[in-house]
Amino acid sequence: MIGKIAPIEGIRMANGIQLTTAPPPASRADDTLLRKKAVELEANFLSEMLGHAGFGEMQGGFGGGIGEEQFSSFLRSAYAQKMSEAGGIGLAESIFQAMSKGAPNVRE
């Protein structure tokens, strides 16, 4: 082919790396899944931060006992999830933007 360049559909290099063209734009379903996962990751991060900040620790000598200690992580997780769904600290949006670059490879 003189004067024309054929598009590269896929080239396998000697070391096994597959080179391909840029992936197609992500669909709405991919965006929804990625945003959900980003919010979930931010919620987990916030839950850990709330735990390290002492949220949910017993305040007095007559607290809820061992049950309160065991279930305080569920309360922290619920608060963190609500915080993240309401916008959180902006981490979910940053995570979403970073993950959306590879969105066509997302599988549920």
Protein backbone atom coordinates (compact mmCIF):
# COMPACT_ATOMS: atom_id res chain seq x y z
CA MET A 1 0.00 0.00 0.00
CA ILE A 2 1.80 3.07 -1.17
CA GLY A 3 0.65 6.29 0.45
CA LYS A 4 -1.82 4.64 2.81
CA ILE A 5 -1.33 3.47 6.36
CA ALA A 6 -3.48 0.62 7.56
CA PRO A 7 -4.99 1.08 11.03
CA ILE A 8 -3.39 -0.97 13.78
CA GLU A 9 -6.01 -3.33 15.15
CA GLY A 10 -3.70 -5.21 17.44
CA ILE A 11 -0.03 -6.08 17.49
CA ARG A 12 1.42 -8.72 19.74
CA MET A 13 5.00 -7.96 20.66
CA ALA A 14 7.62 -10.59 21.37
CA ASN A 15 7.28 -10.13 25.13
CA GLY A 16 3.51 -10.81 24.96
CA ILE A 17 2.30 -7.22 25.38
CA GLN A 18 -0.74 -6.49 23.22
CA LEU A 19 -0.80 -3.04 21.60
CA THR A 20 -4.22 -1.81 20.54
CA THR A 21 -5.86 1.37 19.45
CA ALA A 22 -7.52 3.66 21.98
CA PRO A 23 -10.57 2.11 23.64
CA PRO A 24 -14.01 3.36 22.64
CA PRO A 25 -15.69 5.93 24.92
CA ALA A 26 -17.30 4.49 28.03
CA SER A 27 -21.00 3.85 28.01
CA ARG A 28 -23.49 5.24 30.52
CA ALA A 29 -23.66 1.84 32.26
CA ASP A 30 -19.87 1.82 32.68
CA ASP A 31 -19.95 5.36 34.09
CA THR A 32 -22.67 4.41 36.56
CA LEU A 33 -20.74 1.35 37.74
CA LEU A 34 -17.48 3.29 38.02
CA ARG A 35 -19.13 6.11 39.97
CA LYS A 36 -20.76 3.57 42.32
CA LYS A 37 -17.41 1.86 42.95
CA ALA A 38 -15.66 5.22 43.45
CA VAL A 39 -18.25 6.27 46.05
CA GLU A 40 -17.89 2.88 47.74
CA LEU A 41 -14.10 3.26 47.90
CA GLU A 42 -14.40 6.78 49.33
CA ALA A 43 -16.87 5.47 51.93
CA ASN A 44 -14.39 2.77 53.00
CA PHE A 45 -11.64 5.37 53.26
CA LEU A 46 -13.85 7.69 55.33
CA SER A 47 -14.88 4.81 57.59
CA GLU A 48 -11.24 4.05 58.34
CA MET A 49 -10.48 7.72 58.98
CA LEU A 50 -13.47 8.04 61.32
CA GLY A 51 -12.26 4.96 63.19
CA HIS A 52 -8.76 6.37 63.62
CA ALA A 53 -10.25 9.68 64.75
CA GLY A 54 -12.02 7.86 67.57
CA PHE A 55 -15.57 8.07 66.24
CA GLY A 56 -17.72 5.40 67.85
CA GLU A 57 -15.56 4.83 70.92
CA MET A 58 -17.34 4.54 74.25
CA GLN A 59 -17.46 7.90 76.00
CA GLY A 60 -18.35 6.98 79.56
CA GLY A 61 -18.01 4.19 82.07
CA PHE A 62 -21.57 2.99 81.47
CA GLY A 63 -21.54 2.60 77.72
CA GLY A 64 -23.05 -0.21 75.70
CA GLY A 65 -20.40 -2.73 76.70
CA ILE A 66 -18.71 -5.15 74.36
CA GLY A 67 -21.65 -5.11 71.97
CA GLU A 68 -21.18 -1.41 71.39
CA GLU A 69 -17.51 -1.96 70.61
CA GLN A 70 -18.28 -4.75 68.17
CA PHE A 71 -21.01 -2.92 66.28
CA SER A 72 -19.49 0.58 66.23
CA SER A 73 -17.75 -0.29 62.95
CA PHE A 74 -21.17 -0.78 61.32
CA LEU A 75 -22.26 2.65 62.51
CA ARG A 76 -19.03 4.20 61.20
CA SER A 77 -19.53 2.49 57.84
CA ALA A 78 -23.11 3.72 57.58
CA TYR A 79 -22.09 7.29 58.39
CA ALA A 80 -19.19 7.12 55.95
CA GLN A 81 -21.46 5.79 53.19
CA LYS A 82 -23.94 8.64 53.72
CA MET A 83 -21.12 11.19 53.79
CA SER A 84 -19.68 9.82 50.56
CA GLU A 85 -23.08 9.76 48.81
CA ALA A 86 -23.58 13.40 49.82
CA GLY A 87 -20.31 14.46 48.17
CA GLY A 88 -17.85 13.41 50.85
CA ILE A 89 -14.43 14.99 50.60
CA GLY A 90 -14.26 14.85 46.80
CA LEU A 91 -12.21 11.68 46.71
CA ALA A 92 -14.87 9.71 44.81
CA GLU A 93 -14.80 12.17 41.90
CA SER A 94 -11.00 11.93 41.67
CA ILE A 95 -11.18 8.14 41.77
CA PHE A 96 -13.95 8.14 39.14
CA GLN A 97 -11.91 10.34 36.81
CA ALA A 98 -8.85 8.10 37.21
CA MET A 99 -10.80 4.86 36.69
CA SER A 100 -12.82 6.16 33.74
CA LYS A 101 -9.69 6.16 31.58
CA GLY A 102 -9.89 2.35 31.49
CA ALA A 103 -13.69 2.05 31.69
CA PRO A 104 -14.23 -0.36 28.75
CA ASN A 105 -12.37 -3.03 30.75
CA VAL A 106 -14.75 -2.82 33.73
CA ARG A 107 -16.64 -5.97 34.62
CA GLU A 108 -19.21 -6.33 37.41
